Amino acid sequence: MLLRTLTYSLPCLLLTACADAPDKYRDTHHLELPPVLPIEHTNPQPAVAADDLKPKSALADLMAFTDEGGKPVLTLKTRPDRAWEMVATALKISNIEVLDKSQEDQRFQVRYDPDTSGKDVGLLRALLNNDYDEAEYTIKLKEERRGLTVNASLTKPQDLEFGEDGSAELIRLLHKAIDEKIINRPPDKKADE
């Protein structure tokens, strides 16, 4: 009985003795503070720009676009299967009729009228704004060192009745659809190139 009483009472006594600590151990104002060292930067850091604080899309670096000399160049910096899906989705979003496609050849054959840019417009507007003829275009994805280049060309240039070749307009439309609808970049921001 004495052993059991000691077993239970000894820890209780120890806990109550520790709980009654003097105030000098509770008050930390009397402790010595470490010295304050001056911070010297050998390499000054540049100021942070306001654009650096805004979140950027993870997909923003997937595309490069240059439009110089009337011949735009669209490059998708991703895997061939992913680039194929991006172009297929951009064609679907833009309401461009796909006549034939071959993922093995990395080729789309589409019917496109640059005057409508893939949208249905009224008859009067179609008659007034008719610089290009509706034609069949071939879109090819070509693998290069920097990524996959998207090229468009007339399938049958001899069948073009009037107007100009609208392949440059088709590449611009694909760029806009991928940039704004797939990558979700606001239309007022230019791509970082």
N, C-alpha and C. Protein backbone atom coordinates (compact mmCIF):
# COMPACT_ATOMS: atom_id res chain seq x y z
N MET A 1 0.82 -1.18 0.00
CA MET A 1 0.00 0.00 0.00
C MET A 1 0.87 1.26 0.00
N LEU A 2 1.91 1.24 0.81
CA LEU A 2 2.82 2.37 0.88
C LEU A 2 3.52 2.57 -0.47
N LEU A 3 3.86 1.51 -1.11
CA LEU A 3 4.53 1.60 -2.42
C LEU A 3 3.59 2.21 -3.47
N ARG A 4 2.33 1.83 -3.45
CA ARG A 4 1.39 2.38 -4.40
C ARG A 4 1.15 3.86 -4.12
N THR A 5 1.07 4.26 -2.89
CA THR A 5 0.87 5.65 -2.52
C THR A 5 2.05 6.48 -2.99
N LEU A 6 3.25 5.97 -2.81
CA LEU A 6 4.45 6.69 -3.25
C LEU A 6 4.51 6.78 -4.79
N THR A 7 4.08 5.73 -5.43
CA THR A 7 4.11 5.71 -6.89
C THR A 7 3.20 6.79 -7.48
N TYR A 8 2.03 7.00 -6.85
CA TYR A 8 1.12 8.01 -7.36
C TYR A 8 1.38 9.40 -6.81
N SER A 9 1.81 9.50 -5.61
CA SER A 9 1.97 10.82 -5.00
C SER A 9 3.28 11.50 -5.38
N LEU A 10 4.34 10.73 -5.62
CA LEU A 10 5.63 11.32 -5.97
C LEU A 10 5.57 12.12 -7.28
N PRO A 11 4.97 11.60 -8.37
CA PRO A 11 4.86 12.43 -9.58
C PRO A 11 3.97 13.65 -9.37
N CYS A 12 2.93 13.52 -8.56
CA CYS A 12 2.06 14.68 -8.30
C CYS A 12 2.81 15.76 -7.55
N LEU A 13 3.62 15.38 -6.58
CA LEU A 13 4.43 16.35 -5.84
C LEU A 13 5.45 17.01 -6.76
N LEU A 14 6.03 16.24 -7.62
CA LEU A 14 7.02 16.76 -8.56
C LEU A 14 6.38 17.78 -9.53
N LEU A 15 5.19 17.48 -10.02
CA LEU A 15 4.50 18.40 -10.92
C LEU A 15 4.10 19.69 -10.22
N THR A 16 3.64 19.61 -8.98
CA THR A 16 3.27 20.82 -8.26
C THR A 16 4.49 21.65 -7.90
N ALA A 17 5.59 21.01 -7.64
CA ALA A 17 6.82 21.75 -7.32
C ALA A 17 7.34 22.49 -8.55
N CYS A 18 7.22 21.88 -9.72
CA CYS A 18 7.68 22.53 -10.95
C CYS A 18 6.75 23.65 -11.39
N ALA A 19 5.49 23.53 -11.05
CA ALA A 19 4.52 24.54 -11.45
C ALA A 19 4.72 25.85 -10.69
N ASP A 20 5.29 25.80 -9.55
CA ASP A 20 5.51 27.00 -8.75
C ASP A 20 6.92 27.53 -9.01
N ALA A 21 7.14 28.01 -10.24
CA ALA A 21 8.45 28.55 -10.60
C ALA A 21 8.49 30.02 -10.26
N PRO A 22 9.62 30.54 -9.84
CA PRO A 22 9.72 31.96 -9.52
C PRO A 22 9.54 32.81 -10.78
N ASP A 23 9.18 34.07 -10.59
CA ASP A 23 8.92 34.97 -11.71
C ASP A 23 10.16 35.28 -12.53
N LYS A 24 11.34 35.14 -11.93
CA LYS A 24 12.55 35.46 -12.70
C LYS A 24 12.77 34.49 -13.86
N TYR A 25 12.18 33.30 -13.77
CA TYR A 25 12.31 32.36 -14.88
C TYR A 25 11.22 32.56 -15.92
N ARG A 26 10.15 33.19 -15.57
CA ARG A 26 9.06 33.44 -16.51
C ARG A 26 9.28 34.74 -17.27
N ASP A 27 9.90 35.72 -16.69
CA ASP A 27 10.11 37.02 -17.31
C ASP A 27 11.38 36.97 -18.15
N THR A 28 11.23 37.20 -19.46
CA THR A 28 12.39 37.11 -20.38
C THR A 28 12.99 38.48 -20.69
N HIS A 29 12.53 39.53 -20.03
CA HIS A 29 13.07 40.87 -20.28
C HIS A 29 14.50 41.03 -19.79
N HIS A 30 14.90 40.20 -18.87
CA HIS A 30 16.24 40.30 -18.32
C HIS A 30 17.27 39.52 -19.11
N LEU A 31 16.84 38.79 -20.12
CA LEU A 31 17.78 38.01 -20.92
C LEU A 31 18.54 38.91 -21.87
N GLU A 32 19.75 38.51 -22.20
CA GLU A 32 20.58 39.28 -23.10
C GLU A 32 20.16 38.99 -24.55
N LEU A 33 20.02 40.05 -25.35
CA LEU A 33 19.64 39.91 -26.75
C LEU A 33 20.89 39.73 -27.61
N PRO A 34 20.77 39.01 -28.71
CA PRO A 34 21.92 38.87 -29.60
C PRO A 34 22.23 40.21 -30.26
N PRO A 35 23.46 40.41 -30.69
CA PRO A 35 23.82 41.69 -31.31
C PRO A 35 23.14 41.85 -32.67
N VAL A 36 22.84 43.08 -33.04
CA VAL A 36 22.24 43.38 -34.33
C VAL A 36 23.37 43.68 -35.30
N LEU A 37 23.45 42.87 -36.36
CA LEU A 37 24.51 43.02 -37.36
C LEU A 37 23.98 43.78 -38.57
N PRO A 38 24.77 44.68 -39.13
CA PRO A 38 24.31 45.38 -40.33
C PRO A 38 24.32 44.42 -41.52
N ILE A 39 23.33 44.56 -42.40
CA ILE A 39 23.23 43.71 -43.59
C ILE A 39 23.84 44.47 -44.76
N GLU A 40 24.84 43.87 -45.34
CA GLU A 40 25.50 44.49 -46.49
C GLU A 40 25.31 43.59 -47.70
N HIS A 41 24.74 44.15 -48.76
CA HIS A 41 24.54 43.40 -50.00
C HIS A 41 25.69 43.71 -50.94
N THR A 42 26.40 42.67 -51.32
CA THR A 42 27.48 42.88 -52.29
C THR A 42 26.91 42.96 -53.70
N ASN A 43 25.81 42.27 -53.95
CA ASN A 43 25.14 42.32 -55.25
C ASN A 43 23.75 42.89 -55.04
N PRO A 44 23.53 44.16 -55.35
CA PRO A 44 22.19 44.73 -55.15
C PRO A 44 21.19 44.05 -56.08
N GLN A 45 20.00 43.79 -55.55
CA GLN A 45 18.96 43.12 -56.32
C GLN A 45 18.11 44.16 -57.05
N PRO A 46 17.69 43.83 -58.28
CA PRO A 46 16.85 44.77 -59.02
C PRO A 46 15.46 44.87 -58.37
N ALA A 47 14.83 45.99 -58.59
CA ALA A 47 13.49 46.19 -58.07
C ALA A 47 12.52 45.25 -58.79
N VAL A 48 11.50 44.84 -58.10
CA VAL A 48 10.51 43.93 -58.68
C VAL A 48 9.50 44.74 -59.48
N ALA A 49 9.30 44.33 -60.71
CA ALA A 49 8.33 45.01 -61.57
C ALA A 49 6.92 44.60 -61.17
N ALA A 50 5.95 45.44 -61.48
CA ALA A 50 4.56 45.14 -61.13
C ALA A 50 4.05 43.90 -61.85
N ASP A 51 4.55 43.65 -63.08
CA ASP A 51 4.11 42.47 -63.82
C ASP A 51 4.65 41.18 -63.22
N ASP A 52 5.76 41.27 -62.49
CA ASP A 52 6.33 40.07 -61.88
C ASP A 52 5.46 39.53 -60.75
N LEU A 53 4.65 40.38 -60.15
CA LEU A 53 3.82 39.96 -59.03
C LEU A 53 2.52 39.31 -59.48
N LYS A 54 2.13 39.54 -60.73
CA LYS A 54 0.90 38.96 -61.24
C LYS A 54 1.14 37.50 -61.59
N PRO A 55 0.17 36.63 -61.30
CA PRO A 55 0.36 35.22 -61.65
C PRO A 55 0.37 35.04 -63.16
N LYS A 56 1.28 34.19 -63.62
CA LYS A 56 1.38 33.90 -65.04
C LYS A 56 0.85 32.50 -65.29
N SER A 57 0.28 32.33 -66.47
CA SER A 57 -0.24 31.03 -66.84
C SER A 57 0.92 30.05 -67.02
N ALA A 58 0.69 28.82 -66.60
CA ALA A 58 1.72 27.80 -66.78
C ALA A 58 1.92 27.48 -68.25
N LEU A 59 0.94 27.81 -69.05
CA LEU A 59 1.01 27.51 -70.48
C LEU A 59 1.56 28.66 -71.31
N ALA A 60 1.88 29.78 -70.67
CA ALA A 60 2.27 30.99 -71.40
C ALA A 60 3.50 30.79 -72.28
N ASP A 61 4.40 29.92 -71.91
CA ASP A 61 5.63 29.73 -72.69
C ASP A 61 5.51 28.64 -73.74
N LEU A 62 4.30 28.16 -73.99
CA LEU A 62 4.12 27.08 -74.95
C LEU A 62 4.07 27.56 -76.40
N MET A 63 4.04 28.87 -76.60
CA MET A 63 3.82 29.35 -77.95
C MET A 63 4.70 30.56 -78.25
N ALA A 64 5.19 30.61 -79.47
CA ALA A 64 5.91 31.79 -79.96
C ALA A 64 5.24 32.19 -81.27
N PHE A 65 5.04 33.49 -81.45
CA PHE A 65 4.37 33.99 -82.66
C PHE A 65 5.09 35.23 -83.15
N THR A 66 5.47 35.22 -84.41
CA THR A 66 6.04 36.40 -85.04
C THR A 66 5.24 36.68 -86.31
N ASP A 67 5.00 37.95 -86.57
CA ASP A 67 4.21 38.35 -87.74
C ASP A 67 4.95 39.48 -88.44
N GLU A 68 5.97 39.10 -89.17
CA GLU A 68 6.79 40.08 -89.87
C GLU A 68 6.74 39.80 -91.37
N GLY A 69 6.61 40.84 -92.13
CA GLY A 69 6.65 40.70 -93.58
C GLY A 69 5.44 40.01 -94.16
N GLY A 70 4.31 39.99 -93.47
CA GLY A 70 3.11 39.39 -94.01
C GLY A 70 3.06 37.88 -93.92
N LYS A 71 4.11 37.24 -93.45
CA LYS A 71 4.13 35.78 -93.33
C LYS A 71 4.28 35.43 -91.85
N PRO A 72 3.17 35.22 -91.14
CA PRO A 72 3.27 34.91 -89.71
C PRO A 72 3.82 33.52 -89.48
N VAL A 73 4.55 33.38 -88.36
CA VAL A 73 5.12 32.09 -87.97
C VAL A 73 4.61 31.76 -86.58
N LEU A 74 3.91 30.64 -86.47
CA LEU A 74 3.38 30.16 -85.20
C LEU A 74 4.15 28.91 -84.81
N THR A 75 4.78 28.95 -83.61
CA THR A 75 5.55 27.81 -83.12
C THR A 75 4.98 27.38 -81.79
N LEU A 76 4.65 26.10 -81.67
CA LEU A 76 4.15 25.52 -80.43
C LEU A 76 5.29 24.74 -79.79
N LYS A 77 5.67 25.14 -78.59
CA LYS A 77 6.82 24.55 -77.91
C LYS A 77 6.33 23.45 -76.96
N THR A 78 5.90 22.35 -77.54
CA THR A 78 5.37 21.25 -76.76
C THR A 78 5.52 19.95 -77.55
N ARG A 79 5.02 18.88 -76.97
CA ARG A 79 5.08 17.57 -77.63
C ARG A 79 4.19 17.57 -78.87
N PRO A 80 4.50 16.73 -79.86
CA PRO A 80 3.69 16.69 -81.08
C PRO A 80 2.21 16.36 -80.81
N ASP A 81 1.93 15.42 -79.93
CA ASP A 81 0.53 15.06 -79.68
C ASP A 81 -0.23 16.20 -78.99
N ARG A 82 0.45 16.92 -78.13
CA ARG A 82 -0.18 18.05 -77.45
C ARG A 82 -0.40 19.21 -78.42
N ALA A 83 0.56 19.46 -79.30
CA ALA A 83 0.42 20.52 -80.31
C ALA A 83 -0.73 20.17 -81.26
N TRP A 84 -0.85 18.90 -81.62
CA TRP A 84 -1.95 18.44 -82.47
C TRP A 84 -3.29 18.76 -81.82
N GLU A 85 -3.41 18.46 -80.54
CA GLU A 85 -4.67 18.73 -79.82
C GLU A 85 -4.95 20.23 -79.72
N MET A 86 -3.91 21.03 -79.53
CA MET A 86 -4.10 22.48 -79.45
C MET A 86 -4.63 23.03 -80.77
N VAL A 87 -4.07 22.59 -81.89
CA VAL A 87 -4.52 23.07 -83.20
C VAL A 87 -5.94 22.56 -83.48
N ALA A 88 -6.22 21.30 -83.15
CA ALA A 88 -7.56 20.74 -83.37
C ALA A 88 -8.60 21.50 -82.55
N THR A 89 -8.27 21.83 -81.30
CA THR A 89 -9.18 22.58 -80.45
C THR A 89 -9.37 24.00 -80.97
N ALA A 90 -8.29 24.63 -81.43
CA ALA A 90 -8.39 25.99 -81.98
C ALA A 90 -9.27 26.01 -83.23
N LEU A 91 -9.18 24.98 -84.07
CA LEU A 91 -10.03 24.91 -85.25
C LEU A 91 -11.50 24.75 -84.86
N LYS A 92 -11.74 23.93 -83.85
CA LYS A 92 -13.11 23.71 -83.39
C LYS A 92 -13.69 24.98 -82.76
N ILE A 93 -12.90 25.66 -81.94
CA ILE A 93 -13.34 26.90 -81.31
C ILE A 93 -13.65 27.97 -82.35
N SER A 94 -12.85 28.01 -83.41
CA SER A 94 -12.99 29.04 -84.45
C SER A 94 -14.04 28.69 -85.49
N ASN A 95 -14.73 27.57 -85.33
CA ASN A 95 -15.78 27.13 -86.26
C ASN A 95 -15.26 26.96 -87.68
N ILE A 96 -14.08 26.40 -87.82
CA ILE A 96 -13.50 26.14 -89.13
C ILE A 96 -13.78 24.68 -89.47
N GLU A 97 -14.32 24.47 -90.65
CA GLU A 97 -14.71 23.12 -91.07
C GLU A 97 -13.46 22.30 -91.41
N VAL A 98 -13.29 21.18 -90.73
CA VAL A 98 -12.18 20.28 -90.99
C VAL A 98 -12.66 19.21 -91.97
N LEU A 99 -12.03 19.18 -93.15
CA LEU A 99 -12.43 18.23 -94.18
C LEU A 99 -11.73 16.89 -94.01
N ASP A 100 -10.46 16.94 -93.63
CA ASP A 100 -9.67 15.72 -93.47
C ASP A 100 -8.56 16.02 -92.48
N LYS A 101 -8.16 14.99 -91.74
CA LYS A 101 -7.04 15.16 -90.83
C LYS A 101 -6.30 13.85 -90.69
N SER A 102 -5.00 13.96 -90.47
CA SER A 102 -4.15 12.80 -90.30
C SER A 102 -3.10 13.13 -89.25
N GLN A 103 -3.27 12.55 -88.07
CA GLN A 103 -2.32 12.82 -87.00
C GLN A 103 -0.96 12.19 -87.31
N GLU A 104 -0.98 11.11 -88.07
CA GLU A 104 0.27 10.45 -88.45
C GLU A 104 1.14 11.37 -89.32
N ASP A 105 0.47 12.10 -90.24
CA ASP A 105 1.18 13.03 -91.11
C ASP A 105 1.24 14.44 -90.53
N GLN A 106 0.58 14.66 -89.37
CA GLN A 106 0.52 15.98 -88.73
C GLN A 106 -0.07 17.00 -89.70
N ARG A 107 -1.27 16.65 -90.26
CA ARG A 107 -1.87 17.47 -91.31
C ARG A 107 -3.38 17.60 -91.08
N PHE A 108 -3.88 18.82 -91.29
CA PHE A 108 -5.32 19.11 -91.32
C PHE A 108 -5.65 19.68 -92.69
N GLN A 109 -6.78 19.31 -93.23
CA GLN A 109 -7.27 19.94 -94.44
C GLN A 109 -8.59 20.60 -94.06
N VAL A 110 -8.67 21.91 -94.26
CA VAL A 110 -9.83 22.68 -93.79
C VAL A 110 -10.39 23.53 -94.91
N ARG A 111 -11.66 23.91 -94.75
CA ARG A 111 -12.30 24.88 -95.64
C ARG A 111 -12.42 26.16 -94.83
N TYR A 112 -11.86 27.27 -95.39
CA TYR A 112 -11.76 28.51 -94.62
C TYR A 112 -11.97 29.71 -95.52
N ASP A 113 -12.72 30.67 -95.01
CA ASP A 113 -12.89 31.96 -95.68
C ASP A 113 -12.35 33.03 -94.75
N PRO A 114 -11.22 33.66 -95.06
CA PRO A 114 -10.64 34.67 -94.18
C PRO A 114 -11.54 35.87 -93.93
N ASP A 115 -12.48 36.14 -94.81
CA ASP A 115 -13.38 37.28 -94.60
C ASP A 115 -14.30 37.07 -93.40
N THR A 116 -14.68 35.84 -93.15
CA THR A 116 -15.58 35.56 -92.02
C THR A 116 -14.81 35.15 -90.77
N SER A 117 -13.56 34.78 -90.90
CA SER A 117 -12.72 34.35 -89.78
C SER A 117 -13.39 33.26 -88.96
N GLY A 118 -14.06 32.33 -89.65
CA GLY A 118 -14.67 31.20 -88.97
C GLY A 118 -16.03 31.49 -88.38
N LYS A 119 -16.54 32.72 -88.52
CA LYS A 119 -17.84 33.09 -87.95
C LYS A 119 -18.88 33.14 -89.06
N ASP A 120 -20.12 32.90 -88.69
CA ASP A 120 -21.22 33.05 -89.63
C ASP A 120 -21.63 34.52 -89.65
N VAL A 121 -21.53 35.14 -90.81
CA VAL A 121 -21.93 36.54 -90.94
C VAL A 121 -23.10 36.62 -91.91
N GLY A 122 -23.78 37.73 -91.89
CA GLY A 122 -24.94 37.92 -92.76
C GLY A 122 -24.55 38.04 -94.22
N LEU A 123 -25.54 37.93 -95.09
CA LEU A 123 -25.31 37.97 -96.53
C LEU A 123 -24.79 39.34 -96.96
N LEU A 124 -25.35 40.40 -96.43
CA LEU A 124 -24.93 41.75 -96.82
C LEU A 124 -23.47 42.00 -96.42
N ARG A 125 -23.12 41.59 -95.23
CA ARG A 125 -21.73 41.76 -94.76
C ARG A 125 -20.77 40.90 -95.57
N ALA A 126 -21.20 39.72 -95.95
CA ALA A 126 -20.35 38.84 -96.76
C ALA A 126 -20.11 39.42 -98.15
N LEU A 127 -21.13 40.12 -98.70
CA LEU A 127 -20.96 40.73 -100.02
C LEU A 127 -20.07 41.96 -99.98
N LEU A 128 -20.20 42.77 -98.91
CA LEU A 128 -19.40 43.99 -98.81
C LEU A 128 -17.95 43.71 -98.45
N ASN A 129 -17.72 42.73 -97.62
CA ASN A 129 -16.37 42.42 -97.16
C ASN A 129 -15.95 41.09 -97.77
N ASN A 130 -15.52 41.12 -99.03
CA ASN A 130 -15.18 39.87 -99.71
C ASN A 130 -13.84 40.02 -100.42
N ASP A 131 -12.76 40.11 -99.63
CA ASP A 131 -11.43 40.23 -100.20
C ASP A 131 -10.82 38.87 -100.54
N TYR A 132 -11.31 37.83 -99.87
CA TYR A 132 -10.75 36.49 -100.06
C TYR A 132 -11.85 35.54 -100.52
N ASP A 133 -11.46 34.53 -101.23
CA ASP A 133 -12.38 33.49 -101.65
C ASP A 133 -12.31 32.35 -100.65
N GLU A 134 -13.44 31.70 -100.41
CA GLU A 134 -13.41 30.51 -99.55
C GLU A 134 -12.66 29.42 -100.28
N ALA A 135 -11.70 28.81 -99.60
CA ALA A 135 -10.86 27.81 -100.25
C ALA A 135 -10.46 26.74 -99.25
N GLU A 136 -9.85 25.70 -99.78
CA GLU A 136 -9.33 24.62 -98.94
C GLU A 136 -7.87 24.90 -98.63
N TYR A 137 -7.54 24.77 -97.35
CA TYR A 137 -6.17 25.01 -96.90
C TYR A 137 -5.65 23.76 -96.21
N THR A 138 -4.36 23.56 -96.30
CA THR A 138 -3.70 22.46 -95.61
C THR A 138 -2.85 23.06 -94.49
N ILE A 139 -3.10 22.59 -93.28
CA ILE A 139 -2.33 23.02 -92.12
C ILE A 139 -1.41 21.86 -91.76
N LYS A 140 -0.11 22.14 -91.74
CA LYS A 140 0.87 21.11 -91.39
C LYS A 140 1.65 21.53 -90.16
N LEU A 141 1.89 20.57 -89.29
CA LEU A 141 2.74 20.78 -88.13
C LEU A 141 4.09 20.16 -88.44
N LYS A 142 5.12 20.98 -88.40
CA LYS A 142 6.46 20.53 -88.77
C LYS A 142 7.36 20.64 -87.55
N GLU A 143 7.99 19.53 -87.20
CA GLU A 143 8.85 19.51 -86.01
C GLU A 143 10.20 20.14 -86.34
N GLU A 144 10.56 21.13 -85.53
CA GLU A 144 11.85 21.81 -85.67
C GLU A 144 12.54 21.83 -84.33
N ARG A 145 13.70 22.45 -84.29
CA ARG A 145 14.50 22.49 -83.07
C ARG A 145 13.80 23.28 -81.96
N ARG A 146 13.13 24.37 -82.29
CA ARG A 146 12.48 25.23 -81.29
C ARG A 146 11.09 24.75 -80.91
N GLY A 147 10.52 23.81 -81.63
CA GLY A 147 9.18 23.32 -81.37
C GLY A 147 8.52 22.92 -82.67
N LEU A 148 7.20 22.86 -82.66
CA LEU A 148 6.45 22.50 -83.86
C LEU A 148 5.92 23.76 -84.53
N THR A 149 6.32 23.96 -85.77
CA THR A 149 5.88 25.12 -86.53
C THR A 149 4.58 24.77 -87.24
N VAL A 150 3.60 25.67 -87.14
CA VAL A 150 2.31 25.47 -87.79
C VAL A 150 2.30 26.28 -89.08
N ASN A 151 2.17 25.58 -90.21
CA ASN A 151 2.16 26.22 -91.53
C ASN A 151 0.81 25.99 -92.19
N ALA A 152 0.37 26.97 -92.95
CA ALA A 152 -0.87 26.84 -93.72
C ALA A 152 -0.60 27.22 -95.16
N SER A 153 -1.21 26.48 -96.07
CA SER A 153 -1.05 26.79 -97.49
C SER A 153 -2.33 26.36 -98.22
N LEU A 154 -2.54 26.96 -99.38
CA LEU A 154 -3.69 26.58 -100.20
C LEU A 154 -3.51 25.14 -100.68
N THR A 155 -4.57 24.36 -100.60
CA THR A 155 -4.49 22.98 -101.07
C THR A 155 -4.40 22.95 -102.59
N LYS A 156 -5.26 23.73 -103.24
CA LYS A 156 -5.28 23.80 -104.72
C LYS A 156 -5.24 25.27 -105.12
N PRO A 157 -4.04 25.86 -105.25
CA PRO A 157 -3.97 27.29 -105.59
C PRO A 157 -4.58 27.62 -106.95
N GLN A 158 -4.59 26.68 -107.86
CA GLN A 158 -5.15 26.95 -109.19
C GLN A 158 -6.67 27.09 -109.16
N ASP A 159 -7.33 26.58 -108.11
CA ASP A 159 -8.79 26.68 -108.01
C ASP A 159 -9.26 27.99 -107.40
N LEU A 160 -8.35 28.85 -106.99
CA LEU A 160 -8.70 30.12 -106.38
C LEU A 160 -9.29 31.03 -107.45
N GLU A 161 -10.60 31.38 -107.31
CA GLU A 161 -11.30 32.15 -108.33
C GLU A 161 -10.91 33.63 -108.28
N PHE A 162 -10.89 34.21 -107.08
CA PHE A 162 -10.54 35.62 -106.94
C PHE A 162 -9.93 35.81 -105.56
N GLY A 163 -9.43 37.01 -105.33
CA GLY A 163 -8.88 37.32 -104.02
C GLY A 163 -7.46 36.82 -103.87
N GLU A 164 -7.04 36.83 -102.64
CA GLU A 164 -5.67 36.47 -102.32
C GLU A 164 -5.61 35.17 -101.53
N ASP A 165 -4.41 34.71 -101.33
CA ASP A 165 -4.17 33.54 -100.48
C ASP A 165 -4.39 33.96 -99.02
N GLY A 166 -5.28 33.28 -98.33
CA GLY A 166 -5.61 33.64 -96.95
C GLY A 166 -4.91 32.80 -95.91
N SER A 167 -3.82 32.14 -96.27
CA SER A 167 -3.14 31.27 -95.31
C SER A 167 -2.55 32.06 -94.13
N ALA A 168 -2.10 33.29 -94.38
CA ALA A 168 -1.57 34.11 -93.28
C ALA A 168 -2.68 34.46 -92.29
N GLU A 169 -3.88 34.74 -92.82
CA GLU A 169 -5.02 35.03 -91.94
C GLU A 169 -5.41 33.81 -91.12
N LEU A 170 -5.29 32.64 -91.71
CA LEU A 170 -5.60 31.40 -90.99
C LEU A 170 -4.63 31.18 -89.84
N ILE A 171 -3.34 31.43 -90.05
CA ILE A 171 -2.34 31.29 -88.98
C ILE A 171 -2.61 32.32 -87.88
N ARG A 172 -2.96 33.56 -88.26
CA ARG A 172 -3.28 34.58 -87.26
C ARG A 172 -4.51 34.19 -86.43
N LEU A 173 -5.51 33.61 -87.08
CA LEU A 173 -6.71 33.17 -86.37
C LEU A 173 -6.39 32.02 -85.42
N LEU A 174 -5.57 31.08 -85.85
CA LEU A 174 -5.16 29.98 -84.97
C LEU A 174 -4.38 30.51 -83.77
N HIS A 175 -3.49 31.46 -84.01
CA HIS A 175 -2.72 32.06 -82.91
C HIS A 175 -3.66 32.72 -81.90
N LYS A 176 -4.61 33.49 -82.41
CA LYS A 176 -5.54 34.19 -81.52
C LYS A 176 -6.38 33.20 -80.70
N ALA A 177 -6.86 32.15 -81.34
CA ALA A 177 -7.67 31.15 -80.64
C ALA A 177 -6.86 30.42 -79.58
N ILE A 178 -5.64 30.02 -79.91
CA ILE A 178 -4.80 29.32 -78.93
C ILE A 178 -4.41 30.26 -77.80
N ASP A 179 -4.06 31.49 -78.14
CA ASP A 179 -3.61 32.46 -77.14
C ASP A 179 -4.72 32.83 -76.17
N GLU A 180 -5.90 33.14 -76.68
CA GLU A 180 -6.98 33.64 -75.82
C GLU A 180 -7.86 32.56 -75.24
N LYS A 181 -8.11 31.49 -75.98
CA LYS A 181 -9.07 30.49 -75.52
C LYS A 181 -8.42 29.28 -74.87
N ILE A 182 -7.23 28.89 -75.32
CA ILE A 182 -6.59 27.70 -74.76
C ILE A 182 -5.62 28.07 -73.65
N ILE A 183 -4.76 29.05 -73.92
CA ILE A 183 -3.80 29.48 -72.90
C ILE A 183 -4.46 30.41 -71.91
N ASN A 184 -5.57 31.04 -72.30
CA ASN A 184 -6.34 31.95 -71.44
C ASN A 184 -5.56 33.21 -71.08
N ARG A 185 -4.87 33.76 -72.03
CA ARG A 185 -4.16 35.02 -71.81
C ARG A 185 -5.11 36.15 -72.21
N PRO A 186 -5.18 37.22 -71.44
CA PRO A 186 -6.05 38.33 -71.82
C PRO A 186 -5.63 38.89 -73.17
N PRO A 187 -6.60 39.33 -74.01
CA PRO A 187 -6.26 39.80 -75.36
C PRO A 187 -5.41 41.06 -75.38
N ASP A 188 -5.39 41.85 -74.29
CA ASP A 188 -4.61 43.09 -74.29
C ASP A 188 -3.14 42.85 -73.96
N LYS A 189 -2.77 41.66 -73.49
CA LYS A 189 -1.37 41.37 -73.15
C LYS A 189 -0.70 40.74 -74.35
N LYS A 190 0.47 41.21 -74.68
CA LYS A 190 1.24 40.61 -75.76
C LYS A 190 2.06 39.47 -75.19
N ALA A 191 2.35 38.49 -76.03
CA ALA A 191 3.16 37.35 -75.58
C ALA A 191 4.58 37.80 -75.33
N ASP A 192 5.18 37.24 -74.29
CA ASP A 192 6.59 37.54 -74.01
C ASP A 192 7.44 36.76 -74.98
N GLU A 193 8.20 37.47 -75.77
CA GLU A 193 9.01 36.78 -76.77
C GLU A 193 10.45 37.10 -76.59
